[in-house]
Protein backbone atom coordinates (compact mmCIF):
# COMPACT_ATOMS: atom_id res chain seq x y z
CA UNK A 1 -17.65 52.03 -68.45
CA UNK A 2 -16.03 48.59 -68.32
CA UNK A 3 -18.36 45.76 -67.20
CA UNK A 4 -17.31 43.63 -64.20
CA UNK A 5 -16.67 39.97 -65.03
CA UNK A 6 -19.44 37.61 -64.04
CA UNK A 7 -18.67 35.56 -60.97
CA UNK A 8 -20.02 32.32 -62.46
CA UNK A 9 -18.97 32.13 -66.04
CA UNK A 10 -19.60 28.37 -66.13
CA UNK A 11 -23.26 29.16 -66.85
CA UNK A 12 -22.22 30.24 -70.40
CA UNK A 13 -20.73 26.82 -71.16
CA UNK A 14 -22.59 23.83 -72.54
CA UNK A 15 -24.54 21.87 -69.95
CA UNK A 16 -22.22 18.84 -70.11
CA UNK A 17 -19.18 21.05 -69.41
CA UNK A 18 -20.95 22.87 -66.57
CA UNK A 19 -22.02 19.59 -64.98
CA UNK A 20 -18.49 18.16 -65.32
CA UNK A 21 -16.94 21.20 -63.60
CA UNK A 22 -19.48 21.00 -60.77
CA UNK A 23 -18.77 17.28 -60.22
CA UNK A 24 -15.01 17.87 -60.10
CA UNK A 25 -15.36 20.74 -57.61
CA UNK A 26 -17.73 18.69 -55.46
CA UNK A 27 -15.46 15.63 -55.41
CA UNK A 28 -12.43 17.71 -54.38
CA UNK A 29 -13.74 17.94 -50.81
CA UNK A 30 -11.31 20.69 -49.98
CA UNK A 31 -11.34 24.27 -48.85
CA UNK A 32 -13.92 26.56 -50.45
CA UNK A 33 -11.35 29.00 -51.89
CA UNK A 34 -9.38 26.15 -53.48
CA UNK A 35 -12.58 24.75 -55.02
CA UNK A 36 -13.50 28.19 -56.39
CA UNK A 37 -10.04 28.53 -57.94
CA UNK A 38 -10.31 25.13 -59.63
CA UNK A 39 -13.80 25.98 -60.87
CA UNK A 40 -12.50 29.21 -62.44
CA UNK A 41 -9.49 27.46 -63.98
CA UNK A 42 -11.61 24.69 -65.55
CA UNK A 43 -14.16 27.23 -66.78
CA UNK A 44 -11.41 29.32 -68.38
CA UNK A 45 -9.99 26.21 -70.04
CA UNK A 46 -13.38 25.29 -71.61
CA UNK A 47 -13.99 28.91 -72.71
CA UNK A 48 -10.62 29.03 -74.46
CA UNK A 49 -11.30 25.77 -76.29
CA UNK A 50 -14.83 26.82 -77.34
CA UNK A 51 -14.21 30.50 -78.21
CA UNK A 52 -14.00 29.94 -82.01
CA UNK A 53 -17.03 27.64 -82.11
CA UNK A 54 -20.30 29.64 -82.33
CA UNK A 55 -22.58 26.74 -83.29
CA UNK A 56 -24.30 25.36 -80.13
CA UNK A 57 -24.35 21.78 -81.36
CA UNK A 58 -20.71 21.91 -82.28
CA UNK A 59 -19.91 23.51 -78.88
CA UNK A 60 -21.76 20.64 -77.19
CA UNK A 61 -19.76 18.00 -79.11
CA UNK A 62 -16.43 19.73 -78.56
CA UNK A 63 -17.15 20.15 -74.85
CA UNK A 64 -17.97 16.42 -74.65
CA UNK A 65 -14.62 15.57 -76.25
CA UNK A 66 -12.85 17.79 -73.69
CA UNK A 67 -14.68 16.06 -70.86
CA UNK A 68 -13.61 12.68 -72.19
CA UNK A 69 -10.03 13.89 -72.45
CA UNK A 70 -10.01 14.93 -68.80
CA UNK A 71 -10.98 11.38 -67.86
CA UNK A 72 -12.43 10.15 -64.51
CA UNK A 73 -14.02 12.90 -62.41
CA UNK A 74 -12.83 11.54 -59.08
CA UNK A 75 -9.25 11.11 -60.29
CA UNK A 76 -9.20 14.67 -61.63
CA UNK A 77 -10.62 15.95 -58.33
CA UNK A 78 -7.86 14.15 -56.39
CA UNK A 79 -5.17 15.56 -58.68
CA UNK A 80 -6.55 19.07 -58.35
CA UNK A 81 -6.72 18.76 -54.57
CA UNK A 82 -3.10 17.57 -54.35
CA UNK A 83 -1.97 20.38 -56.63
CA UNK A 84 -3.62 22.97 -54.40
CA UNK A 85 -2.04 21.44 -51.31
CA UNK A 86 1.42 21.62 -52.90
CA UNK A 87 0.91 25.22 -53.80
CA UNK A 88 -0.18 26.47 -50.36
CA UNK A 89 2.33 28.55 -48.26
CA UNK A 90 4.73 26.89 -45.85
CA UNK A 91 3.08 28.49 -42.83
CA UNK A 92 -0.28 27.14 -43.90
CA UNK A 93 1.19 23.64 -44.28
CA UNK A 94 2.75 23.94 -40.83
CA UNK A 95 -0.55 25.01 -39.30
CA UNK A 96 -2.41 22.16 -40.99
CA UNK A 97 0.15 19.55 -39.96
CA UNK A 98 0.22 20.87 -36.40
CA UNK A 99 -3.55 20.73 -36.21
CA UNK A 100 -3.55 17.20 -37.57
CA UNK A 101 -0.91 16.16 -35.02
CA UNK A 102 -2.84 17.74 -32.19
CA UNK A 103 -5.95 16.02 -33.35
CA UNK A 104 -4.21 12.65 -33.33
CA UNK A 105 -2.78 13.35 -29.86
CA UNK A 106 -6.20 14.38 -28.60
CA UNK A 107 -7.74 11.22 -29.97
CA UNK A 108 -5.03 9.10 -28.38
CA UNK A 109 -5.44 10.97 -25.08
CA UNK A 110 -9.20 10.38 -25.13
CA UNK A 111 -8.68 6.69 -25.82
CA UNK A 112 -6.03 6.49 -23.06
CA UNK A 113 -8.30 8.30 -20.61
CA UNK A 114 -11.15 5.91 -21.35
CA UNK A 115 -8.81 2.97 -20.81
CA UNK A 116 -7.35 4.62 -17.69
CA UNK A 117 -10.70 5.35 -16.07
CA UNK A 118 -12.10 1.95 -16.97
CA UNK A 119 -9.26 0.16 -15.12
CA UNK A 120 -10.40 -2.04 -12.24
CA UNK A 121 -8.35 -3.45 -9.32
CA UNK A 122 -8.51 -7.14 -8.53
CA UNK A 123 -7.63 -7.73 -4.83
CA UNK A 124 -5.88 -11.05 -4.30
CA UNK A 125 -4.60 -10.95 -0.68
CA UNK A 126 -6.76 -11.13 2.47
CA UNK A 127 -4.82 -8.74 4.69
CA UNK A 128 -7.42 -8.95 7.46
CA UNK A 129 -6.60 -12.65 7.77
CA UNK A 130 -2.89 -11.79 7.90
CA UNK A 131 -3.60 -9.28 10.67
CA UNK A 132 -5.39 -11.97 12.66
CA UNK A 133 -2.44 -14.33 12.23
CA UNK A 134 0.10 -11.84 13.59
CA UNK A 135 1.36 -13.10 16.93
CA UNK A 136 -1.85 -15.00 17.57
CA UNK A 137 -1.31 -17.16 20.68
CA UNK A 138 -2.79 -20.59 21.07
CA UNK A 139 -4.86 -20.13 24.21
CA UNK A 140 -7.82 -21.70 25.93
CA UNK A 141 -10.95 -19.66 26.43
CA UNK A 142 -10.44 -19.18 30.17
CA UNK A 143 -7.09 -17.45 29.56
CA UNK A 144 -8.59 -14.85 27.22
CA UNK A 145 -9.16 -11.43 28.77
CA UNK A 146 -11.36 -10.06 25.99
CA UNK A 147 -14.72 -11.53 27.17
CA UNK A 148 -14.24 -9.75 30.50
CA UNK A 149 -13.24 -6.49 28.85
CA UNK A 150 -16.35 -6.81 26.70
CA UNK A 151 -18.52 -7.22 29.79
CA UNK A 152 -16.80 -4.27 31.46
CA UNK A 153 -17.58 -2.12 28.43
CA UNK A 154 -21.21 -3.19 28.48
CA UNK A 155 -21.53 -2.46 32.21
CA UNK A 156 -19.75 0.90 32.11
CA UNK A 157 -21.73 3.96 33.12
CA UNK A 158 -19.95 6.77 31.37
CA UNK A 159 -19.37 10.13 33.08
CA UNK A 160 -22.15 12.63 32.41
CA UNK A 161 -21.55 16.13 31.05
CA UNK A 162 -21.55 17.67 34.52
CA UNK A 163 -18.85 15.31 35.70
CA UNK A 164 -16.78 15.80 32.55
CA UNK A 165 -16.95 19.56 32.95
CA UNK A 166 -15.42 19.43 36.44
CA UNK A 167 -11.82 20.60 36.27
CA UNK A 168 -10.66 18.09 38.86
CA UNK A 169 -12.19 15.23 36.87
CA UNK A 170 -11.05 16.48 33.48
CA UNK A 171 -7.38 16.76 34.43
CA UNK A 172 -5.50 13.76 33.16
CA UNK A 173 -2.16 14.49 34.81
CA UNK A 174 -1.38 14.10 38.48
CA UNK A 175 1.01 17.04 39.12
CA UNK A 176 -1.76 19.56 39.79
CA UNK A 177 -4.05 17.14 41.63
CA UNK A 178 -4.43 18.53 45.18
CA UNK A 179 -5.69 15.33 46.76
CA UNK A 180 -9.20 13.94 46.87
CA UNK A 181 -9.99 15.47 50.26
CA UNK A 182 -9.11 18.94 48.98
CA UNK A 183 -11.66 18.80 46.16
CA UNK A 184 -14.96 20.69 46.45
CA UNK A 185 -17.68 18.70 48.18
CA UNK A 186 -19.81 18.59 45.03
CA UNK A 187 -16.94 17.15 42.99
CA UNK A 188 -16.09 14.60 45.68
CA UNK A 189 -19.70 13.33 45.83
CA UNK A 190 -20.06 13.16 42.04
CA UNK A 191 -16.80 11.25 41.57
CA UNK A 192 -17.53 8.86 44.44
CA UNK A 193 -21.00 8.16 43.03
CA UNK A 194 -19.59 7.54 39.55
CA UNK A 195 -17.02 5.09 40.94
CA UNK A 196 -19.75 3.28 42.87
CA UNK A 197 -21.99 3.03 39.79
CA UNK A 198 -19.15 1.34 37.91
CA UNK A 199 -18.18 -1.22 40.54
CA UNK A 200 -19.47 -4.11 38.40
CA UNK A 201 -17.59 -2.84 35.33
CA UNK A 202 -14.43 -2.43 37.39
CA UNK A 203 -14.57 -5.99 38.72
CA UNK A 204 -14.82 -7.35 35.16
CA UNK A 205 -11.90 -5.14 34.18
CA UNK A 206 -9.91 -6.46 37.14
CA UNK A 207 -10.70 -10.06 36.17
CA UNK A 208 -9.57 -9.32 32.63
CA UNK A 209 -6.27 -7.85 33.85
CA UNK A 210 -5.47 -11.17 35.58
CA UNK A 211 -5.74 -13.15 32.33
CA UNK A 212 -2.49 -13.84 30.43
CA UNK A 213 -3.76 -12.84 26.97
CA UNK A 214 -6.29 -10.63 25.23
CA UNK A 215 -7.44 -12.19 21.98
CA UNK A 216 -10.14 -10.56 19.86
CA UNK A 217 -10.36 -11.46 16.15
CA UNK A 218 -10.32 -8.59 13.68
CA UNK A 219 -13.20 -8.33 11.25
CA UNK A 220 -14.52 -5.72 8.84
CA UNK A 221 -17.61 -3.69 9.56
CA UNK A 222 -20.54 -5.79 8.27
CA UNK A 223 -22.16 -2.61 6.95
CA UNK A 224 -19.10 -1.72 4.85
CA UNK A 225 -19.49 -2.09 1.09
CA UNK A 226 -16.03 -3.62 0.71
CA UNK A 227 -13.80 -5.56 3.14
CA UNK A 228 -11.03 -2.95 3.33
CA UNK A 229 -8.46 -3.08 6.09
CA UNK A 230 -9.51 0.51 6.70
CA UNK A 231 -12.96 -0.86 7.60
CA UNK A 232 -11.67 -3.25 10.28
CA UNK A 233 -13.72 -2.75 13.43
CA UNK A 234 -11.74 -1.70 16.49
CA UNK A 235 -12.88 -2.66 19.97
CA UNK A 236 -14.51 0.21 21.90
CA UNK A 237 -11.28 1.77 23.18
CA UNK A 238 -12.74 4.91 24.76
CA UNK A 239 -14.75 2.83 27.29
CA UNK A 240 -11.59 0.87 28.12
CA UNK A 241 -9.89 4.14 29.07
CA UNK A 242 -12.93 5.22 31.07
CA UNK A 243 -12.96 1.98 33.10
CA UNK A 244 -9.25 2.49 33.77
CA UNK A 245 -10.06 5.97 35.06
CA UNK A 246 -12.63 4.39 37.35
CA UNK A 247 -9.79 2.35 38.82
CA UNK A 248 -7.59 5.42 39.29
CA UNK A 249 -10.33 7.33 41.12
CA UNK A 250 -11.16 4.20 43.08
CA UNK A 251 -7.51 4.10 44.14
CA UNK A 252 -7.62 7.73 45.24
CA UNK A 253 -10.78 7.12 47.26
CA UNK A 254 -9.14 4.13 48.96
CA UNK A 255 -6.07 6.20 49.74
CA UNK A 256 -8.21 8.91 51.36
CA UNK A 257 -9.67 6.22 53.60
CA UNK A 258 -6.20 5.00 54.53
CA UNK A 259 -6.41 1.74 52.57
CA UNK A 260 -3.02 1.84 50.86
CA UNK A 261 -3.09 -1.82 49.85
CA UNK A 262 -6.35 -1.46 47.96
CA UNK A 263 -5.15 1.76 46.35
CA UNK A 264 -2.00 0.02 45.10
CA UNK A 265 -4.01 -2.97 43.91
CA UNK A 266 -6.26 -0.75 41.80
CA UNK A 267 -3.24 0.94 40.23
CA UNK A 268 -1.64 -2.41 39.50
CA UNK A 269 -4.89 -3.59 37.89
CA UNK A 270 -4.65 -0.76 35.36
CA UNK A 271 -0.94 -1.48 34.90
CA UNK A 272 -1.65 -5.20 34.23
CA UNK A 273 -4.24 -4.28 31.60
CA UNK A 274 -1.77 -2.14 29.67
CA UNK A 275 0.33 -5.01 28.21
CA UNK A 276 -2.83 -6.62 26.83
CA UNK A 277 -3.31 -3.65 24.53
CA UNK A 278 0.35 -2.85 23.95
CA UNK A 279 0.78 -6.25 22.29
CA UNK A 280 -2.31 -6.01 20.08
CA UNK A 281 -1.96 -5.85 16.32
CA UNK A 282 -3.11 -2.31 15.49
CA UNK A 283 -1.35 0.96 16.27
CA UNK A 284 -4.35 2.60 17.95
CA UNK A 285 -4.68 -0.31 20.39
CA UNK A 286 -0.97 -0.13 21.23
CA UNK A 287 -1.24 3.60 21.89
CA UNK A 288 -4.15 2.96 24.25
CA UNK A 289 -1.98 0.40 26.05
CA UNK A 290 0.82 2.98 26.43
CA UNK A 291 -1.72 5.48 27.80
CA UNK A 292 -2.95 2.93 30.39
CA UNK A 293 0.64 2.15 31.37
CA UNK A 294 1.45 5.82 31.84
CA UNK A 295 -1.74 6.40 33.85
CA UNK A 296 -0.95 3.55 36.24
CA UNK A 297 2.74 4.33 36.68
CA UNK A 298 2.14 8.01 37.35
CA UNK A 299 -0.49 7.19 39.95
CA UNK A 300 1.79 4.69 41.67
CA UNK A 301 4.58 7.24 41.82
CA UNK A 302 2.23 9.86 43.25
CA UNK A 303 1.00 7.37 45.86
CA UNK A 304 4.55 6.43 46.87
CA UNK A 305 5.38 10.12 47.17
CA UNK A 306 2.36 10.80 49.42
CA UNK A 307 2.59 7.76 51.67
CA UNK A 308 5.55 6.11 53.35
CA UNK A 309 5.64 2.42 52.49
CA UNK A 310 7.51 -0.26 54.39
CA UNK A 311 10.52 -1.87 52.66
CA UNK A 312 8.54 -5.09 52.27
CA UNK A 313 5.70 -3.25 50.52
CA UNK A 314 8.16 -1.45 48.28
CA UNK A 315 9.94 -4.68 47.36
CA UNK A 316 6.66 -6.44 46.56
CA UNK A 317 5.43 -3.50 44.52
CA UNK A 318 8.73 -3.36 42.64
CA UNK A 319 8.51 -7.09 41.90
CA UNK A 320 4.95 -6.84 40.57
CA UNK A 321 5.73 -3.87 38.34
CA UNK A 322 8.86 -5.57 37.01
CA UNK A 323 6.77 -8.67 36.19
CA UNK A 324 4.50 -6.63 33.93
CA UNK A 325 7.07 -6.78 31.12
CA UNK A 326 9.23 -9.89 31.53
CA UNK A 327 10.71 -9.35 28.06
CA UNK A 328 11.16 -5.60 28.57
CA UNK A 329 8.79 -2.80 27.69
CA UNK A 330 7.47 -3.44 24.13
CA UNK A 331 8.26 -1.15 21.23
CA UNK A 332 5.66 -0.03 18.72
CA UNK A 333 4.78 -2.59 16.03
CA UNK A 334 3.74 -0.93 12.76
CA UNK A 335 3.02 -4.10 10.80
CA UNK A 336 -0.73 -3.41 10.81
CA UNK A 337 -0.15 0.02 9.26
CA UNK A 338 1.95 -1.57 6.52
CA UNK A 339 -0.84 -4.05 5.81
CA UNK A 340 -3.37 -1.22 5.63
CA UNK A 341 -1.34 0.52 2.94
CA UNK A 342 -0.71 -2.67 0.96
CA UNK A 343 -4.39 -3.61 1.14
CA UNK A 344 -5.40 -0.13 -0.02
CA UNK A 345 -2.94 -0.32 -2.92
CA UNK A 346 -4.37 -3.61 -4.14
CA UNK A 347 -7.86 -2.13 -3.98
CA UNK A 348 -7.22 1.16 -5.79
CA UNK A 349 -4.53 0.16 -8.31
CA UNK A 350 -4.99 -1.91 -11.44
CA UNK A 351 -3.06 -5.17 -11.63
CA UNK A 352 -1.27 -4.61 -14.94
CA UNK A 353 0.00 -1.96 -17.27
CA UNK A 354 2.96 0.43 -17.14
CA UNK A 355 4.56 0.44 -13.70
CA UNK A 356 2.66 -2.67 -12.66
CA UNK A 357 -0.67 -0.83 -12.67
CA UNK A 358 -2.07 2.65 -12.16
CA UNK A 359 -4.29 4.37 -9.62
CA UNK A 360 -7.82 3.65 -10.84
CA UNK A 361 -9.98 6.78 -10.40
CA UNK A 362 -13.25 4.92 -9.82
CA UNK A 363 -11.59 2.64 -7.27
CA UNK A 364 -9.92 5.58 -5.55
CA UNK A 365 -13.34 7.20 -5.33
CA UNK A 366 -14.46 4.24 -3.26
CA UNK A 367 -12.00 5.34 -0.56
CA UNK A 368 -14.85 7.59 0.48
CA UNK A 369 -16.53 4.38 1.69
CA UNK A 370 -13.91 4.22 4.42
CA UNK A 371 -14.72 7.75 5.53
CA UNK A 372 -11.11 8.83 5.11
CA UNK A 373 -10.84 12.62 5.29
CA UNK A 374 -8.28 12.88 2.48
CA UNK A 375 -10.68 11.27 0.03
CA UNK A 376 -14.04 13.07 0.54
CA UNK A 377 -17.13 11.84 -1.22
CA UNK A 378 -17.52 15.03 -3.27
CA UNK A 379 -14.11 14.64 -4.91
CA UNK A 380 -14.86 14.94 -8.63
CA UNK A 381 -13.91 12.40 -11.26
CA UNK A 382 -11.64 14.70 -13.31
CA UNK A 383 -9.52 15.49 -10.24
CA UNK A 384 -9.20 11.81 -9.39
CA UNK A 385 -8.32 11.02 -12.99
CA UNK A 386 -5.64 13.72 -13.02
CA UNK A 387 -4.28 12.47 -9.69
CA UNK A 388 -4.17 8.91 -11.02
CA UNK A 389 -2.24 10.00 -14.11
CA UNK A 390 0.52 11.72 -12.11
CA UNK A 391 0.58 9.21 -9.24
CA UNK A 392 3.42 6.70 -9.09
CA UNK A 393 2.70 3.25 -10.49
CA UNK A 394 1.75 0.29 -8.37
CA UNK A 395 5.23 -1.27 -8.23
CA UNK A 396 6.89 2.01 -7.27
CA UNK A 397 4.26 2.76 -4.61
CA UNK A 398 4.61 -0.69 -3.05
CA UNK A 399 8.41 -0.34 -3.09
CA UNK A 400 8.21 2.98 -1.23
CA UNK A 401 5.86 1.51 1.36
CA UNK A 402 8.20 -1.41 1.96
CA UNK A 403 11.21 0.93 2.18
CA UNK A 404 9.53 3.20 4.72
CA UNK A 405 8.31 0.42 6.98
CA UNK A 406 11.54 -1.55 6.74
CA UNK A 407 13.38 1.53 7.96
CA UNK A 408 10.76 2.09 10.66
CA UNK A 409 11.22 -1.46 11.95
CA UNK A 410 14.96 -0.79 12.31
CA UNK A 411 14.49 2.65 13.88
CA UNK A 412 11.92 1.31 16.35
CA UNK A 413 14.76 -0.60 18.02
CA UNK A 414 16.85 2.55 18.42
CA UNK A 415 16.24 5.12 21.12
CA UNK A 416 15.55 8.69 19.98
CA UNK A 417 19.07 9.59 21.14
CA UNK A 418 20.63 6.80 19.05
CA UNK A 419 18.76 8.02 15.97
CA UNK A 420 19.75 11.60 16.75
CA UNK A 421 23.48 10.93 17.17
CA UNK A 422 23.64 8.65 14.13
CA UNK A 423 21.88 11.37 12.09
CA UNK A 424 19.92 8.57 10.53
CA UNK A 425 17.03 9.58 8.31
CA UNK A 426 13.92 8.30 10.04
CA UNK A 427 10.80 6.95 8.38
CA UNK A 428 8.99 10.27 8.82
CA UNK A 429 11.77 12.17 7.04
CA UNK A 430 11.67 9.76 4.11
CA UNK A 431 7.92 10.14 3.98
CA UNK A 432 8.21 13.94 4.00
CA UNK A 433 10.75 13.80 1.16
CA UNK A 434 8.33 12.00 -1.17
CA UNK A 435 6.56 14.27 -3.72
CA UNK A 436 3.14 15.10 -2.34
CA UNK A 437 0.99 14.21 -5.35
CA UNK A 438 3.09 11.48 -6.86
CA UNK A 439 2.76 9.53 -3.61
CA UNK A 440 -0.54 11.01 -2.41
CA UNK A 441 -1.85 7.63 -1.21
CA UNK A 442 1.11 7.09 1.13
CA UNK A 443 0.95 10.65 2.44
CA UNK A 444 -2.76 10.35 3.21
CA UNK A 445 -2.62 7.00 5.04
CA UNK A 446 0.81 6.65 6.68
CA UNK A 447 0.87 7.65 10.39
CA UNK A 448 3.63 9.59 12.18
CA UNK A 449 5.89 6.55 12.45
CA UNK A 450 8.83 8.00 14.38
CA UNK A 451 6.57 9.90 16.76
CA UNK A 452 4.70 6.71 17.63
CA UNK A 453 8.00 4.92 18.26
CA UNK A 454 9.07 7.75 20.59
CA UNK A 455 5.90 7.30 22.67
CA UNK A 456 6.90 3.71 23.36
CA UNK A 457 10.36 4.81 24.52
CA UNK A 458 8.81 7.45 26.76
CA UNK A 459 6.58 4.79 28.30
CA UNK A 460 9.60 2.59 28.81
CA UNK A 461 11.46 5.49 30.46
CA UNK A 462 8.59 6.05 32.89
CA UNK A 463 8.34 2.33 33.63
CA UNK A 464 12.05 2.03 34.44
CA UNK A 465 11.95 5.30 36.40
CA UNK A 466 9.15 3.84 38.54
CA UNK A 467 11.19 0.73 39.33
CA UNK A 468 14.20 2.90 40.13
CA UNK A 469 12.26 5.18 42.48
CA UNK A 470 10.85 2.21 44.38
CA UNK A 471 14.37 0.86 44.72
CA UNK A 472 15.61 4.26 45.95
CA UNK A 473 12.92 4.39 48.63
CA UNK A 474 13.78 0.85 49.71
CA UNK A 475 17.47 1.72 49.92
CA UNK A 476 16.79 4.80 52.05
CA UNK A 477 14.35 2.94 54.33
CA UNK A 478 16.92 0.24 55.03
CA UNK A 479 20.17 2.24 55.01
CA UNK A 480 18.98 5.65 56.18
CA UNK A 481 20.17 7.54 53.10
CA UNK A 482 19.87 7.60 49.36
CA UNK A 483 22.68 6.02 47.31
CA UNK A 484 25.30 8.30 45.83
CA UNK A 485 24.68 6.94 42.34
CA UNK A 486 22.39 4.55 40.50
CA UNK A 487 25.37 2.26 40.06
CA UNK A 488 25.61 1.93 43.84
CA UNK A 489 21.89 1.10 43.92
CA UNK A 490 22.39 -1.62 41.32
CA UNK A 491 25.48 -3.09 43.00
CA UNK A 492 23.59 -3.31 46.28
CA UNK A 493 21.00 -5.55 44.59
CA UNK A 494 18.09 -3.12 44.73
CA UNK A 495 17.90 -2.69 40.97
CA UNK A 496 18.50 -5.28 38.25
CA UNK A 497 19.29 -2.90 35.38
CA UNK A 498 19.91 0.83 35.18
CA UNK A 499 16.99 2.84 33.77
CA UNK A 500 17.78 3.86 30.21
CA UNK A 501 17.23 7.47 29.25
CA UNK A 502 15.75 7.49 25.72
CA UNK A 503 17.22 10.95 25.13
CA UNK A 504 20.82 10.53 26.22
CA UNK A 505 23.66 8.03 26.08
CA UNK A 506 23.20 6.36 29.43
CA UNK A 507 20.77 6.04 32.28
CA UNK A 508 18.29 8.57 33.63
CA UNK A 509 20.02 11.48 35.34
CA UNK A 510 20.17 11.07 39.13
CA UNK A 511 21.22 13.69 41.68
CA UNK A 512 21.26 13.59 45.49
CA UNK A 513 20.93 16.84 47.44
CA UNK A 514 20.90 16.56 51.25
CA UNK A 515 18.13 14.05 51.90
CA UNK A 516 16.37 14.55 48.57
CA UNK A 517 16.92 13.19 45.06
CA UNK A 518 16.03 14.11 41.50
CA UNK A 519 15.58 11.58 38.70
CA UNK A 520 14.85 12.78 35.20
CA UNK A 521 15.28 12.34 31.46
CA UNK A 522 16.72 14.95 29.08
CA UNK A 523 13.56 14.87 26.96
CA UNK A 524 13.22 15.66 23.25
CA UNK A 525 15.70 18.53 22.95
CA UNK A 526 18.57 16.30 24.19
CA UNK A 527 19.69 19.10 26.54
CA UNK A 528 20.30 18.75 30.29
CA UNK A 529 18.59 21.61 32.12
CA UNK A 530 19.06 20.18 35.60
CA UNK A 531 15.68 18.50 35.78
CA UNK A 532 13.50 21.59 35.49
CA UNK A 533 10.21 20.68 33.83
CA UNK A 534 8.71 22.71 31.01
CA UNK A 535 5.61 24.73 31.90
CA UNK A 536 2.63 25.68 29.77
CA UNK A 537 1.02 29.13 29.75
CA UNK A 538 -0.95 28.30 32.88
CA UNK A 539 2.17 27.23 34.74
CA UNK A 540 1.34 23.53 34.59
CA UNK A 541 4.03 20.96 33.93
CA UNK A 542 4.38 19.43 30.48
CA UNK A 543 5.67 15.91 30.09
CA UNK A 544 8.49 15.27 27.61
CA UNK A 545 8.33 18.81 26.25
CA UNK A 546 11.24 20.48 24.45
CA UNK A 547 13.20 22.53 26.97
CA UNK A 548 11.98 20.48 29.92
CA UNK A 549 12.82 17.24 31.62
CA UNK A 550 11.12 13.90 31.04
CA UNK A 551 9.84 11.96 34.05
CA UNK A 552 10.95 14.19 36.92
CA UNK A 553 10.55 12.97 40.47
CA UNK A 554 11.21 15.31 43.36
CA UNK A 555 10.32 15.03 47.03
CA UNK A 556 7.81 17.85 46.56
CA UNK A 557 6.57 17.39 42.99
CA UNK A 558 6.18 14.90 40.22
CA UNK A 559 5.64 15.09 36.50
């Protein structure tokens, strides 16, 4: 039976040959199979050269000569390794080269990720200071309303849970309000007591409303880790609204006691406070101002509807309401929101690199300091890193912010109807068209710009409707009938300008039927439905709803 060849024939060679082969194989530093092949080839070469030499000493000398002929061990190992590489199959070479390329790419990606994550923003602009400089009037201390608002807030006794749970107290609108005398006795006593408890707060609020300006410097929360614009402390706005509600209920109590003058004065106090907040720097303060304006105007209209006022009273009331906005009802100013975005960009983007800088994951993580819902504290580093890598660069992000707010500033001067007929893409539509993740920072921080602008136009519509209704009542009181048109009212000197309808090309719609009139806006669907208001599921009127009229004033109802 034929014997199997021995696996390691090098053991039969002289020691110097065996050691030489082992050194060459070791220095190859290549795949095991390739080293085994080289070992077998070298062993076979020595065996062939030593086959006819039986003498051990002669074999040793001849093997040494062969070793010397091969030359340097390391050089031979390199040559053998290269030869094996050249002889491998094409697919094997492709696999090896692909693996090497992937390895290089992985190394570069790791190095890039380390550089990317290690990036740090360097804020250079104090946007809080810029916010304080916006429209800051030069006033003396006695003309500043803020100290009195601050005292009113401190003196306010907020409504308790029982009072808040009362349906009559919780209703914000006037259309379903049956009159103070018609309320349950328990509700009447609770509301009257709450108004009495807040008399001191109301008087401070009234004093504040008589001041020409409201100046309160903006500053960051002292407990905040970083001075972000997002950490700017707002004044306590909820108490401001509560004190205004004190005035509205105080007005209703005065009206129940027959004191129309005091009731009107309380409504006008709330109306005078509204411009203070409508001209403040931040969006939330302006929205509070619009809410105060709406609250006062609606209450005045309800009062005029319930009580017959003399022409002199109507003229004086019309003059005072007109004086609230000598330069016309203000539009929404979004400059503070632009500054918030620019400040955030400088605090979460690096200052250099491709695209002007990238979203720094560690800095973006610090957005959790601001308590912003879109950047929760448990957001993991890998997700932030991935977001930063796909997010637009700093220059591109800033450019989009400037584009959006530049367009918003132009659209804020156009009524909703003007934007609708021009089919102009509003700021919100541009914002919606931006890729969600590439511009995640803008999507998370930008407010509903067009919607906020519409609220200002709705407030303006209600303000001008109030002036028009007072003029209509004056006209009827003096001439015994309502005018045929608003143009006739204006030509007779009862109205300076026609009330603009934000949702149509022209003034508010006015109809006279017998001895009644209807005045309304088309509202957000731009359709004229004859002044019928939209109703919710409970049959209550909705203001400015699609399918319903805007401010509707009828002899028997108001919304």
